[in-house]
Amino acid sequence: MAISMYTNKIGVMVDSFQLDLRAGIKKAKEVGADGIQIYAVAGAMEPEQLNQGQRKELLDFIKSNGLEVSALCGDFGGHGFLIEEENTWKVEKSKRIMELAKDMETNVVTTHIGVIPKDESKSQYRILKNACEELGRFGESVGAYFAIETGPEKAETLKSFLDSLDSGGVGVNLDPANLVMVTDDDPVKAVITLKDYIVHTHAKDGIMIKKTEPQIIYDFFAEGGIGDLRLEDYFAEKPLGLGSVDFSGYMKALSQIGYKGFLTVEREVGDDPEGDIRDAVHFLKALLR
């Protein structure tokens, strides 16, 4: 019998099912996942909504379905951490989400922080750096990672930003689809570039249709529409294996750097998220074999 070279677990973003939390947890078990990532900024998983007893009870429910938590999602949307006056509350809330992550027996909180400028002298660079250093230090103190999701900038820009931080608590959530759809970057190379920082990954696929500045795309998401810009003219998310991500090369690169963590399926579009997620889990299981 062939022995697999991979030991990764498969996660699913439970919110992608578009069901309530407990129904989503059961569905994750049904489609064959090993774990779940849960959005924790608002709604049922907001830290303020769960006391210690409720946290334990929820974790027991997750475990009783044979699952573990791969990460929490602490994504605020908007401009991430680029607006200095918003960062006081965003940083505090992110700390509460990190504490919740630890109570859920995971050590990863993923988020988009906003587009990191290439030019380190820009004020936005300093603003992002200050927020990430504070969260990284807090992460170190509780044993958790604040994981920046790839996409708004090329892997090299993200790496130099991470290298500049005075903290070991900031990691990377590598989303290969964001790199191909928005930045026209190679996810396989990105794995090698960011190898010291990857603590979680998303299994997502897509294609770039027309190249533009990533800033334009992320401003569109942040501001809920800009003029007559149509996102579908620029990129499209696709079911796993039908986009431009070279999953076989990507998995080999992850294995090469010794990444043994989760591959978490995220499906943000489509009429049949459950079907797409089920297919994605099968696709990944075949690759892992």
C-alpha atoms as a PDB file:
ATOM      1  CA  MET A   1       0.000   0.000   0.000  1.00  0.00           C
ATOM      2  CA  ALA A   2       1.368   3.433  -0.970  1.00  0.00           C
ATOM      3  CA  ILE A   3       2.131   5.745   1.921  1.00  0.00           C
ATOM      4  CA  SER A   4       1.032   9.342   1.418  1.00  0.00           C
ATOM      5  CA  MET A   5       3.708  12.039   1.601  1.00  0.00           C
ATOM      6  CA  TYR A   6       1.112  14.393   3.094  1.00  0.00           C
ATOM      7  CA  THR A   7      -0.238  14.529   6.621  1.00  0.00           C
ATOM      8  CA  ASN A   8      -2.379  17.657   6.269  1.00  0.00           C
ATOM      9  CA  LYS A   9      -5.902  17.815   7.622  1.00  0.00           C
ATOM     10  CA  ILE A  10      -8.821  19.202   5.661  1.00  0.00           C
ATOM     11  CA  GLY A  11     -10.864  22.032   7.120  1.00  0.00           C
ATOM     12  CA  VAL A  12     -13.907  23.889   5.882  1.00  0.00           C
ATOM     13  CA  MET A  13     -14.969  27.463   6.544  1.00  0.00           C
ATOM     14  CA  VAL A  14     -18.194  26.619   8.365  1.00  0.00           C
ATOM     15  CA  ASP A  15     -19.806  29.940   7.359  1.00  0.00           C
ATOM     16  CA  SER A  16     -19.472  28.958   3.675  1.00  0.00           C
ATOM     17  CA  PHE A  17     -22.419  26.565   4.141  1.00  0.00           C
ATOM     18  CA  GLN A  18     -24.653  29.580   4.882  1.00  0.00           C
ATOM     19  CA  LEU A  19     -26.295  27.701   7.774  1.00  0.00           C
ATOM     20  CA  ASP A  20     -26.455  28.455  11.481  1.00  0.00           C
ATOM     21  CA  LEU A  21     -23.324  27.470  13.415  1.00  0.00           C
ATOM     22  CA  ARG A  22     -24.394  24.077  14.758  1.00  0.00           C
ATOM     23  CA  ALA A  23     -26.020  22.991  11.502  1.00  0.00           C
ATOM     24  CA  GLY A  24     -22.815  24.077   9.732  1.00  0.00           C
ATOM     25  CA  ILE A  25     -20.702  22.014  12.144  1.00  0.00           C
ATOM     26  CA  LYS A  26     -22.819  18.910  11.429  1.00  0.00           C
ATOM     27  CA  LYS A  27     -22.565  19.593   7.696  1.00  0.00           C
ATOM     28  CA  ALA A  28     -18.755  19.873   7.934  1.00  0.00           C
ATOM     29  CA  LYS A  29     -18.712  16.391   9.470  1.00  0.00           C
ATOM     30  CA  GLU A  30     -21.063  15.116   6.716  1.00  0.00           C
ATOM     31  CA  VAL A  31     -18.829  16.324   3.869  1.00  0.00           C
ATOM     32  CA  GLY A  32     -15.826  14.550   5.370  1.00  0.00           C
ATOM     33  CA  ALA A  33     -13.801  17.427   6.869  1.00  0.00           C
ATOM     34  CA  ASP A  34     -11.416  17.041   9.823  1.00  0.00           C
ATOM     35  CA  GLY A  35     -11.887  20.564  11.112  1.00  0.00           C
ATOM     36  CA  ILE A  36     -13.611  23.922  10.763  1.00  0.00           C
ATOM     37  CA  GLN A  37     -12.707  27.580  10.634  1.00  0.00           C
ATOM     38  CA  ILE A  38     -15.320  29.915  12.131  1.00  0.00           C
ATOM     39  CA  TYR A  39     -15.968  33.622  11.579  1.00  0.00           C
ATOM     40  CA  ALA A  40     -15.750  35.267  15.011  1.00  0.00           C
ATOM     41  CA  VAL A  41     -16.196  39.018  14.516  1.00  0.00           C
ATOM     42  CA  ALA A  42     -19.999  39.147  14.750  1.00  0.00           C
ATOM     43  CA  GLY A  43     -22.903  36.775  15.285  1.00  0.00           C
ATOM     44  CA  ALA A  44     -22.968  33.588  17.357  1.00  0.00           C
ATOM     45  CA  MET A  45     -19.163  33.346  17.683  1.00  0.00           C
ATOM     46  CA  GLU A  46     -18.487  36.933  18.695  1.00  0.00           C
ATOM     47  CA  PRO A  47     -16.317  36.657  21.861  1.00  0.00           C
ATOM     48  CA  GLU A  48     -18.694  38.899  23.835  1.00  0.00           C
ATOM     49  CA  GLN A  49     -21.561  36.450  23.162  1.00  0.00           C
ATOM     50  CA  LEU A  50     -19.849  33.427  24.742  1.00  0.00           C
ATOM     51  CA  ASN A  51     -19.015  32.998  28.408  1.00  0.00           C
ATOM     52  CA  GLN A  52     -16.564  30.292  29.564  1.00  0.00           C
ATOM     53  CA  GLY A  53     -19.311  27.701  30.039  1.00  0.00           C
ATOM     54  CA  GLN A  54     -20.752  28.319  26.569  1.00  0.00           C
ATOM     55  CA  ARG A  55     -17.277  28.132  25.017  1.00  0.00           C
ATOM     56  CA  LYS A  56     -16.640  24.757  26.608  1.00  0.00           C
ATOM     57  CA  GLU A  57     -20.068  23.483  25.598  1.00  0.00           C
ATOM     58  CA  LEU A  58     -19.514  24.567  21.981  1.00  0.00           C
ATOM     59  CA  LEU A  59     -16.066  22.969  21.875  1.00  0.00           C
ATOM     60  CA  ASP A  60     -17.570  19.738  23.243  1.00  0.00           C
ATOM     61  CA  PHE A  61     -20.206  19.862  20.483  1.00  0.00           C
ATOM     62  CA  ILE A  62     -17.502  20.336  17.819  1.00  0.00           C
ATOM     63  CA  LYS A  63     -15.485  17.426  19.239  1.00  0.00           C
ATOM     64  CA  SER A  64     -18.573  15.215  19.518  1.00  0.00           C
ATOM     65  CA  ASN A  65     -18.871  15.604  15.733  1.00  0.00           C
ATOM     66  CA  GLY A  66     -15.285  14.362  15.367  1.00  0.00           C
ATOM     67  CA  LEU A  67     -13.973  17.801  14.390  1.00  0.00           C
ATOM     68  CA  GLU A  68     -11.438  20.329  15.652  1.00  0.00           C
ATOM     69  CA  VAL A  69     -11.134  24.069  15.062  1.00  0.00           C
ATOM     70  CA  SER A  70      -8.459  24.879  12.471  1.00  0.00           C
ATOM     71  CA  ALA A  71      -8.620  28.655  13.027  1.00  0.00           C
ATOM     72  CA  LEU A  72     -10.961  31.525  13.779  1.00  0.00           C
ATOM     73  CA  CYS A  73     -11.549  34.258  11.211  1.00  0.00           C
ATOM     74  CA  GLY A  74     -11.157  37.740  12.684  1.00  0.00           C
ATOM     75  CA  ASP A  75     -11.700  39.667   9.456  1.00  0.00           C
ATOM     76  CA  PHE A  76     -13.301  43.102   9.918  1.00  0.00           C
ATOM     77  CA  GLY A  77     -13.689  43.793   6.198  1.00  0.00           C
ATOM     78  CA  GLY A  78     -13.391  47.451   5.207  1.00  0.00           C
ATOM     79  CA  HIS A  79      -9.826  48.732   5.086  1.00  0.00           C
ATOM     80  CA  GLY A  80      -8.528  46.262   7.666  1.00  0.00           C
ATOM     81  CA  PHE A  81      -6.065  48.030   9.973  1.00  0.00           C
ATOM     82  CA  LEU A  82      -5.195  50.927   7.643  1.00  0.00           C
ATOM     83  CA  ILE A  83      -7.291  53.579   9.420  1.00  0.00           C
ATOM     84  CA  GLU A  84      -5.388  54.544  12.547  1.00  0.00           C
ATOM     85  CA  GLU A  85      -8.321  55.877  14.580  1.00  0.00           C
ATOM     86  CA  GLU A  86     -10.242  52.595  14.094  1.00  0.00           C
ATOM     87  CA  ASN A  87      -7.334  50.473  15.289  1.00  0.00           C
ATOM     88  CA  THR A  88      -7.876  51.070  19.000  1.00  0.00           C
ATOM     89  CA  TRP A  89     -11.089  49.025  18.985  1.00  0.00           C
ATOM     90  CA  LYS A  90     -10.020  46.657  16.195  1.00  0.00           C
ATOM     91  CA  VAL A  91      -6.833  45.661  18.016  1.00  0.00           C
ATOM     92  CA  GLU A  92      -8.726  45.127  21.303  1.00  0.00           C
ATOM     93  CA  LYS A  93     -11.398  43.051  19.552  1.00  0.00           C
ATOM     94  CA  SER A  94      -8.713  40.995  17.770  1.00  0.00           C
ATOM     95  CA  LYS A  95      -7.152  40.230  21.170  1.00  0.00           C
ATOM     96  CA  ARG A  96     -10.509  38.948  22.436  1.00  0.00           C
ATOM     97  CA  ILE A  97     -10.805  36.750  19.316  1.00  0.00           C
ATOM     98  CA  MET A  98      -7.316  35.353  19.997  1.00  0.00           C
ATOM     99  CA  GLU A  99      -8.361  34.475  23.545  1.00  0.00           C
ATOM    100  CA  LEU A 100     -11.484  32.801  22.156  1.00  0.00           C
ATOM    101  CA  ALA A 101      -9.303  30.872  19.686  1.00  0.00           C
ATOM    102  CA  LYS A 102      -7.268  29.477  22.569  1.00  0.00           C
ATOM    103  CA  ASP A 103     -10.491  28.452  24.340  1.00  0.00           C
ATOM    104  CA  MET A 104     -11.477  26.664  21.103  1.00  0.00           C
ATOM    105  CA  GLU A 105      -8.094  24.868  21.217  1.00  0.00           C
ATOM    106  CA  THR A 106      -6.683  26.553  18.122  1.00  0.00           C
ATOM    107  CA  ASN A 107      -3.835  29.067  18.002  1.00  0.00           C
ATOM    108  CA  VAL A 108      -4.652  30.824  14.721  1.00  0.00           C
ATOM    109  CA  VAL A 109      -6.776  33.902  13.964  1.00  0.00           C
ATOM    110  CA  THR A 110      -6.783  34.895  10.272  1.00  0.00           C
ATOM    111  CA  THR A 111      -7.564  38.306   8.828  1.00  0.00           C
ATOM    112  CA  HIS A 112      -6.982  40.731   5.972  1.00  0.00           C
ATOM    113  CA  ILE A 113      -5.061  43.712   7.313  1.00  0.00           C
ATOM    114  CA  GLY A 114      -5.383  45.926   4.198  1.00  0.00           C
ATOM    115  CA  VAL A 115      -2.956  46.478   1.323  1.00  0.00           C
ATOM    116  CA  ILE A 116       0.659  46.717   2.548  1.00  0.00           C
ATOM    117  CA  PRO A 117       2.416  49.537   0.650  1.00  0.00           C
ATOM    118  CA  LYS A 118       5.640  48.598  -1.188  1.00  0.00           C
ATOM    119  CA  ASP A 119       7.066  51.902  -0.014  1.00  0.00           C
ATOM    120  CA  GLU A 120       8.011  51.545   3.660  1.00  0.00           C
ATOM    121  CA  SER A 121       8.096  55.312   4.174  1.00  0.00           C
ATOM    122  CA  LYS A 122       4.328  55.615   3.659  1.00  0.00           C
ATOM    123  CA  SER A 123       2.275  56.345   6.781  1.00  0.00           C
ATOM    124  CA  GLN A 124       0.031  53.315   6.082  1.00  0.00           C
ATOM    125  CA  TYR A 125       3.081  51.068   6.473  1.00  0.00           C
ATOM    126  CA  ARG A 126       3.734  52.448   9.966  1.00  0.00           C
ATOM    127  CA  ILE A 127       0.031  52.176  10.903  1.00  0.00           C
ATOM    128  CA  LEU A 128      -0.123  48.514   9.846  1.00  0.00           C
ATOM    129  CA  LYS A 129       3.199  47.773  11.513  1.00  0.00           C
ATOM    130  CA  ASN A 130       2.102  49.255  14.859  1.00  0.00           C
ATOM    131  CA  ALA A 131      -1.166  47.272  14.877  1.00  0.00           C
ATOM    132  CA  CYS A 132       0.522  44.012  13.855  1.00  0.00           C
ATOM    133  CA  GLU A 133       3.331  44.363  16.400  1.00  0.00           C
ATOM    134  CA  GLU A 134       0.844  44.929  19.220  1.00  0.00           C
ATOM    135  CA  LEU A 135      -1.221  41.921  18.114  1.00  0.00           C
ATOM    136  CA  GLY A 136       1.891  39.824  17.548  1.00  0.00           C
ATOM    137  CA  ARG A 137       3.134  40.541  21.057  1.00  0.00           C
ATOM    138  CA  PHE A 138      -0.277  39.711  22.498  1.00  0.00           C
ATOM    139  CA  GLY A 139      -0.307  36.514  20.411  1.00  0.00           C
ATOM    140  CA  GLU A 140       3.079  35.531  21.831  1.00  0.00           C
ATOM    141  CA  SER A 141       1.800  36.140  25.369  1.00  0.00           C
ATOM    142  CA  VAL A 142      -1.198  33.792  24.916  1.00  0.00           C
ATOM    143  CA  GLY A 143       0.408  31.314  22.500  1.00  0.00           C
ATOM    144  CA  ALA A 144      -1.542  32.306  19.375  1.00  0.00           C
ATOM    145  CA  TYR A 145      -0.828  33.656  15.896  1.00  0.00           C
ATOM    146  CA  PHE A 146      -2.357  36.671  14.233  1.00  0.00           C
ATOM    147  CA  ALA A 147      -2.279  35.365  10.643  1.00  0.00           C
ATOM    148  CA  ILE A 148      -2.349  37.789   7.711  1.00  0.00           C
ATOM    149  CA  GLU A 149      -4.183  36.445   4.667  1.00  0.00           C
ATOM    150  CA  THR A 150      -2.339  36.655   1.346  1.00  0.00           C
ATOM    151  CA  GLY A 151      -3.802  38.503  -1.615  1.00  0.00           C
ATOM    152  CA  PRO A 152      -3.551  42.277  -1.495  1.00  0.00           C
ATOM    153  CA  GLU A 153       0.189  42.309  -2.259  1.00  0.00           C
ATOM    154  CA  LYS A 154       2.809  39.982  -3.694  1.00  0.00           C
ATOM    155  CA  ALA A 155       4.426  37.439  -1.379  1.00  0.00           C
ATOM    156  CA  GLU A 156       7.782  39.286  -1.396  1.00  0.00           C
ATOM    157  CA  THR A 157       6.148  42.502  -0.134  1.00  0.00           C
ATOM    158  CA  LEU A 158       4.364  40.593   2.631  1.00  0.00           C
ATOM    159  CA  LYS A 159       7.591  38.813   3.602  1.00  0.00           C
ATOM    160  CA  SER A 160       9.581  42.048   3.962  1.00  0.00           C
ATOM    161  CA  PHE A 161       6.763  43.503   6.059  1.00  0.00           C
ATOM    162  CA  LEU A 162       6.771  40.423   8.324  1.00  0.00           C
ATOM    163  CA  ASP A 163      10.576  40.481   8.557  1.00  0.00           C
ATOM    164  CA  SER A 164      10.368  44.106   9.762  1.00  0.00           C
ATOM    165  CA  LEU A 165       8.094  43.288  12.721  1.00  0.00           C
ATOM    166  CA  ASP A 166       9.441  43.172  16.251  1.00  0.00           C
ATOM    167  CA  SER A 167       7.308  40.176  17.222  1.00  0.00           C
ATOM    168  CA  GLY A 168       7.065  36.466  16.528  1.00  0.00           C
ATOM    169  CA  GLY A 169       3.292  36.256  16.928  1.00  0.00           C
ATOM    170  CA  VAL A 170       2.330  37.300  13.385  1.00  0.00           C
ATOM    171  CA  GLY A 171       1.957  34.550  10.785  1.00  0.00           C
ATOM    172  CA  VAL A 172       0.437  33.970   7.357  1.00  0.00           C
ATOM    173  CA  ASN A 173      -2.810  32.414   6.203  1.00  0.00           C
ATOM    174  CA  LEU A 174      -1.851  31.460   2.662  1.00  0.00           C
ATOM    175  CA  ASP A 175      -4.765  31.744   0.237  1.00  0.00           C
ATOM    176  CA  PRO A 176      -3.505  30.625  -3.188  1.00  0.00           C
ATOM    177  CA  ALA A 177      -6.595  31.836  -5.080  1.00  0.00           C
ATOM    178  CA  ASN A 178      -6.208  35.433  -3.875  1.00  0.00           C
ATOM    179  CA  LEU A 179      -2.656  35.423  -5.228  1.00  0.00           C
ATOM    180  CA  VAL A 180      -3.660  34.251  -8.715  1.00  0.00           C
ATOM    181  CA  MET A 181      -6.916  36.242  -8.924  1.00  0.00           C
ATOM    182  CA  VAL A 182      -5.735  39.628  -7.670  1.00  0.00           C
ATOM    183  CA  THR A 183      -1.936  39.944  -7.541  1.00  0.00           C
ATOM    184  CA  ASP A 184      -0.961  37.648 -10.426  1.00  0.00           C
ATOM    185  CA  ASP A 185       1.518  35.965  -8.063  1.00  0.00           C
ATOM    186  CA  ASP A 186       2.581  32.302  -8.139  1.00  0.00           C
ATOM    187  CA  PRO A 187       1.233  30.424  -5.062  1.00  0.00           C
ATOM    188  CA  VAL A 188       3.932  27.740  -5.354  1.00  0.00           C
ATOM    189  CA  LYS A 189       6.705  30.346  -5.140  1.00  0.00           C
ATOM    190  CA  ALA A 190       4.757  32.178  -2.428  1.00  0.00           C
ATOM    191  CA  VAL A 191       4.905  29.058  -0.225  1.00  0.00           C
ATOM    192  CA  ILE A 192       8.711  29.071  -0.451  1.00  0.00           C
ATOM    193  CA  THR A 193       8.948  32.866   0.053  1.00  0.00           C
ATOM    194  CA  LEU A 194       6.685  32.808   3.129  1.00  0.00           C
ATOM    195  CA  LYS A 195       7.827  29.443   4.501  1.00  0.00           C
ATOM    196  CA  ASP A 196       8.845  30.791   7.914  1.00  0.00           C
ATOM    197  CA  TYR A 197       5.430  32.340   8.517  1.00  0.00           C
ATOM    198  CA  ILE A 198       2.702  30.011   7.190  1.00  0.00           C
ATOM    199  CA  VAL A 199       0.458  28.800  10.042  1.00  0.00           C
ATOM    200  CA  HIS A 200      -2.792  28.116   8.127  1.00  0.00           C
ATOM    201  CA  THR A 201      -3.918  27.860   4.508  1.00  0.00           C
ATOM    202  CA  HIS A 202      -7.117  28.257   2.542  1.00  0.00           C
ATOM    203  CA  ALA A 203      -7.925  25.793  -0.215  1.00  0.00           C
ATOM    204  CA  LYS A 204      -9.481  28.044  -2.824  1.00  0.00           C
ATOM    205  CA  ASP A 205      -9.120  28.353  -6.598  1.00  0.00           C
ATOM    206  CA  GLY A 206      -9.740  31.044  -9.170  1.00  0.00           C
ATOM    207  CA  ILE A 207      -8.618  32.799 -12.331  1.00  0.00           C
ATOM    208  CA  MET A 208      -7.516  36.309 -13.207  1.00  0.00           C
ATOM    209  CA  ILE A 209      -9.470  37.743 -16.149  1.00  0.00           C
ATOM    210  CA  LYS A 210      -7.970  41.213 -16.352  1.00  0.00           C
ATOM    211  CA  LYS A 211      -5.060  42.645 -14.398  1.00  0.00           C
ATOM    212  CA  THR A 212      -5.452  45.801 -12.341  1.00  0.00           C
ATOM    213  CA  GLU A 213      -3.946  47.344  -9.213  1.00  0.00           C
ATOM    214  CA  PRO A 214      -4.844  45.158  -6.184  1.00  0.00           C
ATOM    215  CA  GLN A 215      -5.552  48.394  -4.292  1.00  0.00           C
ATOM    216  CA  ILE A 216      -8.495  49.066  -6.645  1.00  0.00           C
ATOM    217  CA  ILE A 217      -9.986  45.629  -5.955  1.00  0.00           C
ATOM    218  CA  TYR A 218      -9.581  45.853  -2.185  1.00  0.00           C
ATOM    219  CA  ASP A 219     -10.943  49.416  -2.110  1.00  0.00           C
ATOM    220  CA  PHE A 220     -13.996  48.067  -3.936  1.00  0.00           C
ATOM    221  CA  PHE A 221     -14.522  45.428  -1.203  1.00  0.00           C
ATOM    222  CA  ALA A 222     -13.903  47.991   1.534  1.00  0.00           C
ATOM    223  CA  GLU A 223     -16.242  50.628   0.190  1.00  0.00           C
ATOM    224  CA  GLY A 224     -18.966  48.419  -1.234  1.00  0.00           C
ATOM    225  CA  GLY A 225     -18.615  49.424  -4.848  1.00  0.00           C
ATOM    226  CA  ILE A 226     -16.756  52.089  -6.784  1.00  0.00           C
ATOM    227  CA  GLY A 227     -18.354  53.717  -9.820  1.00  0.00           C
ATOM    228  CA  ASP A 228     -19.036  51.227 -12.573  1.00  0.00           C
ATOM    229  CA  LEU A 229     -16.243  48.784 -11.635  1.00  0.00           C
ATOM    230  CA  ARG A 230     -17.431  45.183 -12.061  1.00  0.00           C
ATOM    231  CA  LEU A 231     -15.361  42.641 -10.152  1.00  0.00           C
ATOM    232  CA  GLU A 232     -16.421  39.855 -12.529  1.00  0.00           C
ATOM    233  CA  ASP A 233     -14.476  41.647 -15.282  1.00  0.00           C
ATOM    234  CA  TYR A 234     -11.254  41.130 -13.303  1.00  0.00           C
ATOM    235  CA  PHE A 235     -11.325  37.690 -11.664  1.00  0.00           C
ATOM    236  CA  ALA A 236     -13.511  34.713 -10.860  1.00  0.00           C
ATOM    237  CA  GLU A 237     -13.410  32.238  -7.981  1.00  0.00           C
ATOM    238  CA  LYS A 238     -13.689  28.661  -9.291  1.00  0.00           C
ATOM    239  CA  PRO A 239     -14.307  25.239  -7.741  1.00  0.00           C
ATOM    240  CA  LEU A 240     -11.049  23.556  -6.636  1.00  0.00           C
ATOM    241  CA  GLY A 241      -9.089  22.197  -9.586  1.00  0.00           C
ATOM    242  CA  LEU A 242     -10.883  24.374 -12.165  1.00  0.00           C
ATOM    243  CA  GLY A 243      -8.878  27.563 -11.690  1.00  0.00           C
ATOM    244  CA  SER A 244      -5.257  28.622 -12.195  1.00  0.00           C
ATOM    245  CA  VAL A 245      -3.835  27.314  -8.900  1.00  0.00           C
ATOM    246  CA  ASP A 246      -1.419  24.433  -9.527  1.00  0.00           C
ATOM    247  CA  PHE A 247      -2.638  22.397  -6.551  1.00  0.00           C
ATOM    248  CA  SER A 248      -0.257  19.520  -7.098  1.00  0.00           C
ATOM    249  CA  GLY A 249       2.763  21.885  -7.154  1.00  0.00           C
ATOM    250  CA  TYR A 250       1.279  23.880  -4.278  1.00  0.00           C
ATOM    251  CA  MET A 251       0.881  20.771  -2.098  1.00  0.00           C
ATOM    252  CA  LYS A 252       4.417  19.630  -2.921  1.00  0.00           C
ATOM    253  CA  ALA A 253       5.772  23.050  -1.911  1.00  0.00           C
ATOM    254  CA  LEU A 254       3.841  22.939   1.391  1.00  0.00           C
ATOM    255  CA  SER A 255       5.236  19.472   2.037  1.00  0.00           C
ATOM    256  CA  GLN A 256       8.763  20.651   1.151  1.00  0.00           C
ATOM    257  CA  ILE A 257       8.661  23.421   3.789  1.00  0.00           C
ATOM    258  CA  GLY A 258       7.290  20.969   6.377  1.00  0.00           C
ATOM    259  CA  TYR A 259       3.790  22.480   6.631  1.00  0.00           C
ATOM    260  CA  LYS A 260       1.561  19.898   8.328  1.00  0.00           C
ATOM    261  CA  GLY A 261      -1.367  22.149   9.154  1.00  0.00           C
ATOM    262  CA  PHE A 262      -4.851  22.559   7.736  1.00  0.00           C
ATOM    263  CA  LEU A 263      -6.002  23.060   4.158  1.00  0.00           C
ATOM    264  CA  THR A 264      -9.275  24.881   4.813  1.00  0.00           C
ATOM    265  CA  VAL A 265     -11.848  25.054   2.040  1.00  0.00           C
ATOM    266  CA  GLU A 266     -13.396  28.481   1.621  1.00  0.00           C
ATOM    267  CA  ARG A 267     -16.187  28.959  -0.932  1.00  0.00           C
ATOM    268  CA  GLU A 268     -17.349  32.566  -1.230  1.00  0.00           C
ATOM    269  CA  VAL A 269     -19.510  32.320  -4.363  1.00  0.00           C
ATOM    270  CA  GLY A 270     -21.764  29.864  -6.234  1.00  0.00           C
ATOM    271  CA  ASP A 271     -25.355  28.601  -5.989  1.00  0.00           C
ATOM    272  CA  ASP A 272     -24.466  25.296  -4.335  1.00  0.00           C
ATOM    273  CA  PRO A 273     -21.841  25.934  -1.653  1.00  0.00           C
ATOM    274  CA  GLU A 274     -22.433  22.553  -0.003  1.00  0.00           C
ATOM    275  CA  GLY A 275     -21.907  20.673  -3.286  1.00  0.00           C
ATOM    276  CA  ASP A 276     -18.803  22.710  -4.087  1.00  0.00           C
ATOM    277  CA  ILE A 277     -17.353  22.175  -0.594  1.00  0.00           C
ATOM    278  CA  ARG A 278     -18.069  18.434  -0.761  1.00  0.00           C
ATOM    279  CA  ASP A 279     -16.324  18.263  -4.164  1.00  0.00           C
ATOM    280  CA  ALA A 280     -13.404  20.296  -2.778  1.00  0.00           C
ATOM    281  CA  VAL A 281     -12.965  17.881   0.151  1.00  0.00           C
ATOM    282  CA  HIS A 282     -12.946  14.927  -2.292  1.00  0.00           C
ATOM    283  CA  PHE A 283     -10.478  16.777  -4.542  1.00  0.00           C
ATOM    284  CA  LEU A 284      -8.111  17.409  -1.606  1.00  0.00           C
ATOM    285  CA  LYS A 285      -8.440  13.854  -0.271  1.00  0.00           C
ATOM    286  CA  ALA A 286      -7.450  12.507  -3.700  1.00  0.00           C
ATOM    287  CA  LEU A 287      -4.418  14.860  -3.731  1.00  0.00           C
ATOM    288  CA  LEU A 288      -3.446  13.892  -0.190  1.00  0.00           C
ATOM    289  CA  ARG A 289      -3.479  10.220  -1.150  1.00  0.00           C
END
